[in-house]
Amino acid sequence: MVQERTLSIIKPDGLEKGVIGKIIARFEEHGLKPVAIRLAHLSTREAEGFYAVHKARPFFKDLVTFMTSGPVVLMVLEGENAIQRNRDIMGATNPANAAPGTIRKDFATDVEKNTVHGSDGPDTAKAEIAYFFRETELHPYAYRR
């Protein structure tokens, strides 16, 4: 298996629902370790830059408004096949289509307020991690059980 890192964001609705700990616990239960974590309130400029790939899409303005509506938790998750594993744990973008037991099925309201973000591939993960974290802010560690 390949050790990877991926960016994960708990969006404003996740904080409003008080499920930060539950979400992080799910990642850990599935072998993903948070090697960097920070609470932030994104500015409009930060959100527009992060989601620039969606700038031409009709939902861009609403996405930026939502992502700047309250604080978020920014994390770098590390583990075997972390990118796909994170996406599996999150569930489908639209919570109505998400599998039972996924974060989005259990906590999300709708396709806009879908509680979490995760990188969709290795190149995206690398760019997204660098957008929010310096390399010196990543702290890998081993479990001792």
N, C-alpha and C. Protein backbone atom coordinates (compact mmCIF):
# COMPACT_ATOMS: atom_id res chain seq x y z
N MET A 1 0.83 -1.19 0.00
CA MET A 1 0.00 0.00 0.00
C MET A 1 0.87 1.25 0.00
N VAL A 2 0.35 2.31 -0.57
CA VAL A 2 1.08 3.55 -0.73
C VAL A 2 0.73 4.53 0.39
N GLN A 3 1.76 5.05 1.07
CA GLN A 3 1.55 6.10 2.07
C GLN A 3 1.30 7.41 1.33
N GLU A 4 0.22 8.08 1.66
CA GLU A 4 -0.14 9.34 1.01
C GLU A 4 -0.57 10.36 2.05
N ARG A 5 -0.65 11.58 1.56
CA ARG A 5 -1.24 12.67 2.34
C ARG A 5 -2.34 13.30 1.52
N THR A 6 -3.36 13.77 2.21
CA THR A 6 -4.48 14.42 1.55
C THR A 6 -4.97 15.56 2.41
N LEU A 7 -5.56 16.56 1.78
CA LEU A 7 -6.16 17.66 2.54
C LEU A 7 -7.59 17.29 2.88
N SER A 8 -7.98 17.59 4.09
CA SER A 8 -9.36 17.42 4.53
C SER A 8 -9.81 18.71 5.19
N ILE A 9 -11.01 19.11 4.88
CA ILE A 9 -11.58 20.30 5.51
C ILE A 9 -12.92 19.92 6.13
N ILE A 10 -13.10 20.25 7.39
CA ILE A 10 -14.42 20.18 8.00
C ILE A 10 -15.02 21.56 7.79
N LYS A 11 -16.10 21.61 7.03
CA LYS A 11 -16.70 22.87 6.59
C LYS A 11 -17.52 23.52 7.72
N PRO A 12 -17.95 24.78 7.51
CA PRO A 12 -18.67 25.50 8.56
C PRO A 12 -19.86 24.75 9.15
N ASP A 13 -20.60 24.00 8.32
CA ASP A 13 -21.76 23.28 8.85
C ASP A 13 -21.34 22.17 9.82
N GLY A 14 -20.16 21.59 9.62
CA GLY A 14 -19.67 20.58 10.55
C GLY A 14 -19.36 21.17 11.92
N LEU A 15 -18.82 22.38 11.92
CA LEU A 15 -18.54 23.06 13.18
C LEU A 15 -19.84 23.46 13.86
N GLU A 16 -20.79 23.97 13.07
CA GLU A 16 -22.08 24.39 13.62
C GLU A 16 -22.83 23.22 14.26
N LYS A 17 -22.64 22.02 13.73
CA LYS A 17 -23.32 20.83 14.25
C LYS A 17 -22.56 20.18 15.41
N GLY A 18 -21.35 20.67 15.69
CA GLY A 18 -20.57 20.15 16.81
C GLY A 18 -20.06 18.73 16.59
N VAL A 19 -19.62 18.44 15.36
CA VAL A 19 -19.18 17.07 15.05
C VAL A 19 -17.70 16.98 14.67
N ILE A 20 -16.90 17.96 15.05
CA ILE A 20 -15.47 17.93 14.74
C ILE A 20 -14.83 16.64 15.26
N GLY A 21 -15.03 16.36 16.53
CA GLY A 21 -14.43 15.18 17.14
C GLY A 21 -14.90 13.89 16.51
N LYS A 22 -16.18 13.81 16.19
CA LYS A 22 -16.73 12.60 15.57
C LYS A 22 -16.11 12.37 14.19
N ILE A 23 -15.92 13.46 13.45
CA ILE A 23 -15.35 13.33 12.10
C ILE A 23 -13.88 12.90 12.19
N ILE A 24 -13.11 13.55 13.04
CA ILE A 24 -11.70 13.18 13.18
C ILE A 24 -11.59 11.74 13.67
N ALA A 25 -12.45 11.33 14.58
CA ALA A 25 -12.42 9.94 15.07
C ALA A 25 -12.66 8.95 13.92
N ARG A 26 -13.54 9.28 13.00
CA ARG A 26 -13.78 8.38 11.87
C ARG A 26 -12.53 8.22 11.02
N PHE A 27 -11.84 9.33 10.78
CA PHE A 27 -10.60 9.23 10.02
C PHE A 27 -9.60 8.33 10.75
N GLU A 28 -9.44 8.55 12.03
CA GLU A 28 -8.48 7.75 12.81
C GLU A 28 -8.88 6.28 12.84
N GLU A 29 -10.16 6.01 12.99
CA GLU A 29 -10.64 4.63 13.02
C GLU A 29 -10.36 3.89 11.72
N HIS A 30 -10.21 4.64 10.64
CA HIS A 30 -9.93 4.05 9.33
C HIS A 30 -8.46 4.20 8.93
N GLY A 31 -7.59 4.46 9.92
CA GLY A 31 -6.16 4.47 9.68
C GLY A 31 -5.58 5.75 9.10
N LEU A 32 -6.31 6.85 9.17
CA LEU A 32 -5.79 8.13 8.69
C LEU A 32 -5.43 8.99 9.89
N LYS A 33 -4.18 9.46 9.92
CA LYS A 33 -3.68 10.26 11.03
C LYS A 33 -3.64 11.73 10.62
N PRO A 34 -4.18 12.62 11.46
CA PRO A 34 -4.00 14.05 11.19
C PRO A 34 -2.58 14.47 11.56
N VAL A 35 -1.78 14.83 10.54
CA VAL A 35 -0.39 15.24 10.79
C VAL A 35 -0.24 16.76 10.79
N ALA A 36 -1.33 17.45 10.50
CA ALA A 36 -1.41 18.91 10.64
C ALA A 36 -2.89 19.23 10.81
N ILE A 37 -3.17 20.18 11.69
CA ILE A 37 -4.56 20.54 11.93
C ILE A 37 -4.61 21.99 12.42
N ARG A 38 -5.59 22.74 11.89
CA ARG A 38 -5.71 24.15 12.26
C ARG A 38 -7.15 24.62 12.06
N LEU A 39 -7.62 25.42 12.99
CA LEU A 39 -8.90 26.09 12.87
C LEU A 39 -8.67 27.42 12.17
N ALA A 40 -9.49 27.72 11.17
CA ALA A 40 -9.32 28.97 10.42
C ALA A 40 -10.68 29.50 9.99
N HIS A 41 -10.73 30.79 9.76
CA HIS A 41 -11.91 31.41 9.15
C HIS A 41 -11.42 31.97 7.81
N LEU A 42 -11.79 31.31 6.72
CA LEU A 42 -11.29 31.69 5.41
C LEU A 42 -11.80 33.06 4.99
N SER A 43 -10.92 33.84 4.40
CA SER A 43 -11.32 35.10 3.80
C SER A 43 -11.93 34.79 2.42
N THR A 44 -12.61 35.76 1.86
CA THR A 44 -13.17 35.59 0.52
C THR A 44 -12.04 35.30 -0.46
N ARG A 45 -10.95 36.01 -0.35
CA ARG A 45 -9.81 35.80 -1.25
C ARG A 45 -9.25 34.38 -1.13
N GLU A 46 -9.11 33.89 0.10
CA GLU A 46 -8.61 32.52 0.30
C GLU A 46 -9.55 31.49 -0.31
N ALA A 47 -10.85 31.65 -0.05
CA ALA A 47 -11.83 30.68 -0.58
C ALA A 47 -11.89 30.74 -2.10
N GLU A 48 -11.86 31.93 -2.67
CA GLU A 48 -11.87 32.05 -4.13
C GLU A 48 -10.63 31.42 -4.74
N GLY A 49 -9.49 31.62 -4.11
CA GLY A 49 -8.25 31.03 -4.62
C GLY A 49 -8.26 29.52 -4.51
N PHE A 50 -8.74 29.01 -3.39
CA PHE A 50 -8.77 27.57 -3.18
C PHE A 50 -9.70 26.88 -4.17
N TYR A 51 -10.85 27.48 -4.41
CA TYR A 51 -11.85 26.89 -5.31
C TYR A 51 -11.81 27.48 -6.72
N ALA A 52 -10.69 28.08 -7.10
CA ALA A 52 -10.56 28.73 -8.41
C ALA A 52 -10.89 27.79 -9.57
N VAL A 53 -10.65 26.50 -9.41
CA VAL A 53 -10.95 25.54 -10.46
C VAL A 53 -12.45 25.54 -10.81
N HIS A 54 -13.28 25.99 -9.89
CA HIS A 54 -14.73 26.02 -10.10
C HIS A 54 -15.25 27.41 -10.47
N LYS A 55 -14.36 28.35 -10.74
CA LYS A 55 -14.75 29.75 -10.94
C LYS A 55 -15.84 29.94 -12.01
N ALA A 56 -15.81 29.17 -13.07
CA ALA A 56 -16.79 29.33 -14.16
C ALA A 56 -18.11 28.61 -13.88
N ARG A 57 -18.17 27.86 -12.82
CA ARG A 57 -19.38 27.08 -12.54
C ARG A 57 -20.43 27.93 -11.82
N PRO A 58 -21.69 27.62 -12.02
CA PRO A 58 -22.76 28.46 -11.44
C PRO A 58 -22.80 28.46 -9.92
N PHE A 59 -22.24 27.43 -9.27
CA PHE A 59 -22.29 27.35 -7.82
C PHE A 59 -21.10 28.04 -7.13
N PHE A 60 -20.16 28.60 -7.90
CA PHE A 60 -18.93 29.15 -7.33
C PHE A 60 -19.21 30.21 -6.26
N LYS A 61 -20.03 31.18 -6.57
CA LYS A 61 -20.30 32.27 -5.63
C LYS A 61 -20.92 31.75 -4.33
N ASP A 62 -21.88 30.84 -4.45
CA ASP A 62 -22.51 30.27 -3.26
C ASP A 62 -21.52 29.45 -2.44
N LEU A 63 -20.62 28.74 -3.13
CA LEU A 63 -19.61 27.94 -2.44
C LEU A 63 -18.68 28.84 -1.63
N VAL A 64 -18.22 29.92 -2.24
CA VAL A 64 -17.34 30.86 -1.55
C VAL A 64 -18.07 31.49 -0.35
N THR A 65 -19.32 31.87 -0.55
CA THR A 65 -20.11 32.46 0.54
C THR A 65 -20.23 31.47 1.69
N PHE A 66 -20.53 30.22 1.38
CA PHE A 66 -20.67 29.20 2.41
C PHE A 66 -19.35 28.96 3.14
N MET A 67 -18.26 28.82 2.38
CA MET A 67 -16.97 28.50 2.99
C MET A 67 -16.40 29.65 3.82
N THR A 68 -16.92 30.84 3.65
CA THR A 68 -16.49 31.99 4.45
C THR A 68 -17.51 32.36 5.53
N SER A 69 -18.56 31.55 5.66
CA SER A 69 -19.64 31.87 6.59
C SER A 69 -19.30 31.55 8.05
N GLY A 70 -18.24 30.82 8.28
CA GLY A 70 -17.84 30.47 9.63
C GLY A 70 -16.50 29.76 9.59
N PRO A 71 -15.97 29.41 10.75
CA PRO A 71 -14.67 28.74 10.78
C PRO A 71 -14.73 27.35 10.16
N VAL A 72 -13.56 26.88 9.76
CA VAL A 72 -13.38 25.54 9.22
C VAL A 72 -12.21 24.89 9.95
N VAL A 73 -12.13 23.57 9.87
CA VAL A 73 -10.96 22.85 10.37
C VAL A 73 -10.20 22.34 9.16
N LEU A 74 -8.95 22.77 9.05
CA LEU A 74 -8.07 22.35 7.96
C LEU A 74 -7.16 21.25 8.50
N MET A 75 -7.06 20.14 7.77
CA MET A 75 -6.24 19.02 8.22
C MET A 75 -5.47 18.41 7.06
N VAL A 76 -4.32 17.88 7.38
CA VAL A 76 -3.61 17.00 6.47
C VAL A 76 -3.70 15.62 7.08
N LEU A 77 -4.27 14.69 6.34
CA LEU A 77 -4.40 13.31 6.79
C LEU A 77 -3.35 12.47 6.09
N GLU A 78 -2.77 11.53 6.82
CA GLU A 78 -1.72 10.68 6.28
C GLU A 78 -2.07 9.22 6.54
N GLY A 79 -1.79 8.38 5.56
CA GLY A 79 -2.01 6.95 5.73
C GLY A 79 -1.93 6.23 4.40
N GLU A 80 -2.12 4.93 4.46
CA GLU A 80 -2.11 4.13 3.24
C GLU A 80 -3.29 4.51 2.36
N ASN A 81 -2.99 4.83 1.10
CA ASN A 81 -4.03 5.23 0.15
C ASN A 81 -4.96 6.29 0.74
N ALA A 82 -4.38 7.28 1.39
CA ALA A 82 -5.13 8.29 2.13
C ALA A 82 -6.15 9.03 1.27
N ILE A 83 -5.82 9.30 0.02
CA ILE A 83 -6.74 10.08 -0.82
C ILE A 83 -8.03 9.32 -1.04
N GLN A 84 -7.94 8.09 -1.52
CA GLN A 84 -9.15 7.31 -1.78
C GLN A 84 -9.85 6.92 -0.49
N ARG A 85 -9.08 6.59 0.52
CA ARG A 85 -9.68 6.21 1.81
C ARG A 85 -10.50 7.38 2.37
N ASN A 86 -9.93 8.59 2.30
CA ASN A 86 -10.65 9.77 2.77
C ASN A 86 -11.95 9.95 1.99
N ARG A 87 -11.88 9.79 0.67
CA ARG A 87 -13.08 9.97 -0.16
C ARG A 87 -14.14 8.92 0.16
N ASP A 88 -13.71 7.71 0.45
CA ASP A 88 -14.65 6.65 0.83
C ASP A 88 -15.32 6.96 2.17
N ILE A 89 -14.55 7.47 3.12
CA ILE A 89 -15.07 7.81 4.45
C ILE A 89 -16.04 8.99 4.35
N MET A 90 -15.73 9.95 3.47
CA MET A 90 -16.62 11.11 3.31
C MET A 90 -17.95 10.71 2.68
N GLY A 91 -17.91 9.88 1.64
CA GLY A 91 -19.12 9.52 0.91
C GLY A 91 -19.35 10.45 -0.28
N ALA A 92 -20.37 10.16 -1.04
CA ALA A 92 -20.69 10.92 -2.25
C ALA A 92 -20.91 12.39 -1.92
N THR A 93 -20.57 13.25 -2.89
CA THR A 93 -20.71 14.70 -2.71
C THR A 93 -22.13 15.07 -2.29
N ASN A 94 -23.10 14.46 -2.92
CA ASN A 94 -24.50 14.68 -2.56
C ASN A 94 -24.85 13.68 -1.47
N PRO A 95 -25.14 14.15 -0.26
CA PRO A 95 -25.42 13.22 0.85
C PRO A 95 -26.59 12.29 0.57
N ALA A 96 -27.51 12.69 -0.30
CA ALA A 96 -28.64 11.81 -0.65
C ALA A 96 -28.14 10.55 -1.36
N ASN A 97 -26.98 10.64 -2.00
CA ASN A 97 -26.40 9.50 -2.72
C ASN A 97 -25.29 8.80 -1.95
N ALA A 98 -24.98 9.30 -0.76
CA ALA A 98 -23.88 8.75 0.03
C ALA A 98 -24.28 7.44 0.71
N ALA A 99 -23.31 6.56 0.85
CA ALA A 99 -23.55 5.27 1.49
C ALA A 99 -23.79 5.45 2.99
N PRO A 100 -24.59 4.57 3.58
CA PRO A 100 -24.79 4.62 5.04
C PRO A 100 -23.45 4.50 5.76
N GLY A 101 -23.33 5.26 6.85
CA GLY A 101 -22.11 5.22 7.66
C GLY A 101 -21.03 6.17 7.20
N THR A 102 -21.24 6.88 6.07
CA THR A 102 -20.25 7.87 5.64
C THR A 102 -20.52 9.20 6.33
N ILE A 103 -19.52 10.05 6.36
CA ILE A 103 -19.66 11.34 7.02
C ILE A 103 -20.80 12.15 6.41
N ARG A 104 -20.84 12.21 5.09
CA ARG A 104 -21.86 13.02 4.45
C ARG A 104 -23.27 12.46 4.66
N LYS A 105 -23.42 11.15 4.66
CA LYS A 105 -24.74 10.56 4.90
C LYS A 105 -25.19 10.88 6.32
N ASP A 106 -24.26 10.81 7.27
CA ASP A 106 -24.61 10.98 8.67
C ASP A 106 -24.72 12.42 9.13
N PHE A 107 -23.96 13.35 8.51
CA PHE A 107 -23.92 14.71 9.04
C PHE A 107 -24.30 15.82 8.06
N ALA A 108 -24.23 15.58 6.76
CA ALA A 108 -24.46 16.66 5.79
C ALA A 108 -25.94 16.95 5.60
N THR A 109 -26.21 18.18 5.21
CA THR A 109 -27.57 18.63 4.98
C THR A 109 -27.98 18.46 3.52
N ASP A 110 -27.11 18.90 2.62
CA ASP A 110 -27.40 18.83 1.19
C ASP A 110 -26.09 18.92 0.42
N VAL A 111 -26.18 19.01 -0.90
CA VAL A 111 -24.98 19.00 -1.73
C VAL A 111 -24.10 20.22 -1.46
N GLU A 112 -24.69 21.34 -1.06
CA GLU A 112 -23.90 22.53 -0.74
C GLU A 112 -23.30 22.43 0.65
N LYS A 113 -24.10 22.08 1.63
CA LYS A 113 -23.63 21.95 3.01
C LYS A 113 -23.34 20.47 3.26
N ASN A 114 -22.23 20.01 2.66
CA ASN A 114 -21.92 18.59 2.72
C ASN A 114 -20.78 18.25 3.69
N THR A 115 -20.52 19.16 4.62
CA THR A 115 -19.74 18.95 5.84
C THR A 115 -18.22 18.80 5.67
N VAL A 116 -17.75 18.15 4.60
CA VAL A 116 -16.32 17.90 4.47
C VAL A 116 -15.86 18.08 3.03
N HIS A 117 -14.58 18.37 2.91
CA HIS A 117 -13.90 18.43 1.61
C HIS A 117 -12.71 17.50 1.69
N GLY A 118 -12.39 16.85 0.57
CA GLY A 118 -11.19 16.04 0.50
C GLY A 118 -10.59 16.12 -0.89
N SER A 119 -9.28 16.07 -0.98
CA SER A 119 -8.59 16.12 -2.27
C SER A 119 -9.04 14.95 -3.14
N ASP A 120 -9.05 15.17 -4.46
CA ASP A 120 -9.55 14.14 -5.38
C ASP A 120 -8.46 13.37 -6.11
N GLY A 121 -7.20 13.69 -5.88
CA GLY A 121 -6.12 12.97 -6.54
C GLY A 121 -4.78 13.44 -6.00
N PRO A 122 -3.70 12.74 -6.36
CA PRO A 122 -2.37 13.08 -5.83
C PRO A 122 -1.90 14.50 -6.15
N ASP A 123 -2.09 14.95 -7.38
CA ASP A 123 -1.65 16.31 -7.74
C ASP A 123 -2.47 17.35 -7.01
N THR A 124 -3.77 17.12 -6.94
CA THR A 124 -4.65 18.04 -6.22
C THR A 124 -4.28 18.08 -4.74
N ALA A 125 -4.05 16.91 -4.15
CA ALA A 125 -3.69 16.84 -2.73
C ALA A 125 -2.43 17.66 -2.45
N LYS A 126 -1.43 17.48 -3.28
CA LYS A 126 -0.17 18.21 -3.09
C LYS A 126 -0.40 19.72 -3.14
N ALA A 127 -1.17 20.18 -4.14
CA ALA A 127 -1.45 21.61 -4.29
C ALA A 127 -2.31 22.14 -3.14
N GLU A 128 -3.33 21.37 -2.75
CA GLU A 128 -4.23 21.82 -1.69
C GLU A 128 -3.52 21.87 -0.34
N ILE A 129 -2.70 20.90 -0.06
CA ILE A 129 -1.94 20.91 1.19
C ILE A 129 -1.03 22.15 1.23
N ALA A 130 -0.33 22.40 0.13
CA ALA A 130 0.58 23.55 0.06
C ALA A 130 -0.18 24.88 0.14
N TYR A 131 -1.43 24.90 -0.26
CA TYR A 131 -2.23 26.12 -0.20
C TYR A 131 -2.42 26.57 1.26
N PHE A 132 -2.56 25.61 2.17
CA PHE A 132 -2.87 25.93 3.56
C PHE A 132 -1.75 25.66 4.55
N PHE A 133 -0.79 24.80 4.20
CA PHE A 133 0.24 24.40 5.17
C PHE A 133 1.64 24.47 4.57
N ARG A 134 2.60 24.94 5.39
CA ARG A 134 4.01 24.83 5.02
C ARG A 134 4.48 23.43 5.40
N GLU A 135 5.50 22.94 4.73
CA GLU A 135 6.04 21.61 5.01
C GLU A 135 6.44 21.47 6.49
N THR A 136 6.93 22.55 7.08
CA THR A 136 7.36 22.51 8.48
C THR A 136 6.19 22.38 9.46
N GLU A 137 4.97 22.52 8.98
CA GLU A 137 3.79 22.38 9.83
C GLU A 137 3.23 20.96 9.83
N LEU A 138 3.81 20.08 9.02
CA LEU A 138 3.38 18.69 8.95
C LEU A 138 4.22 17.86 9.90
N HIS A 139 3.57 17.10 10.77
CA HIS A 139 4.27 16.38 11.82
C HIS A 139 3.86 14.91 11.84
N PRO A 140 4.51 14.08 11.01
CA PRO A 140 4.18 12.65 11.02
C PRO A 140 4.55 12.01 12.36
N TYR A 141 3.83 10.98 12.72
CA TYR A 141 4.09 10.27 13.96
C TYR A 141 3.63 8.83 13.80
N ALA A 142 4.09 7.99 14.69
CA ALA A 142 3.70 6.58 14.67
C ALA A 142 2.81 6.28 15.88
N TYR A 143 1.85 5.40 15.67
CA TYR A 143 1.04 4.93 16.79
C TYR A 143 1.87 3.96 17.63
N ARG A 144 1.71 4.01 18.93
CA ARG A 144 2.36 3.07 19.83
C ARG A 144 1.25 2.40 20.62
N ARG A 145 0.96 1.17 20.25
CA ARG A 145 -0.15 0.48 20.90
C ARG A 145 0.32 -0.73 21.64
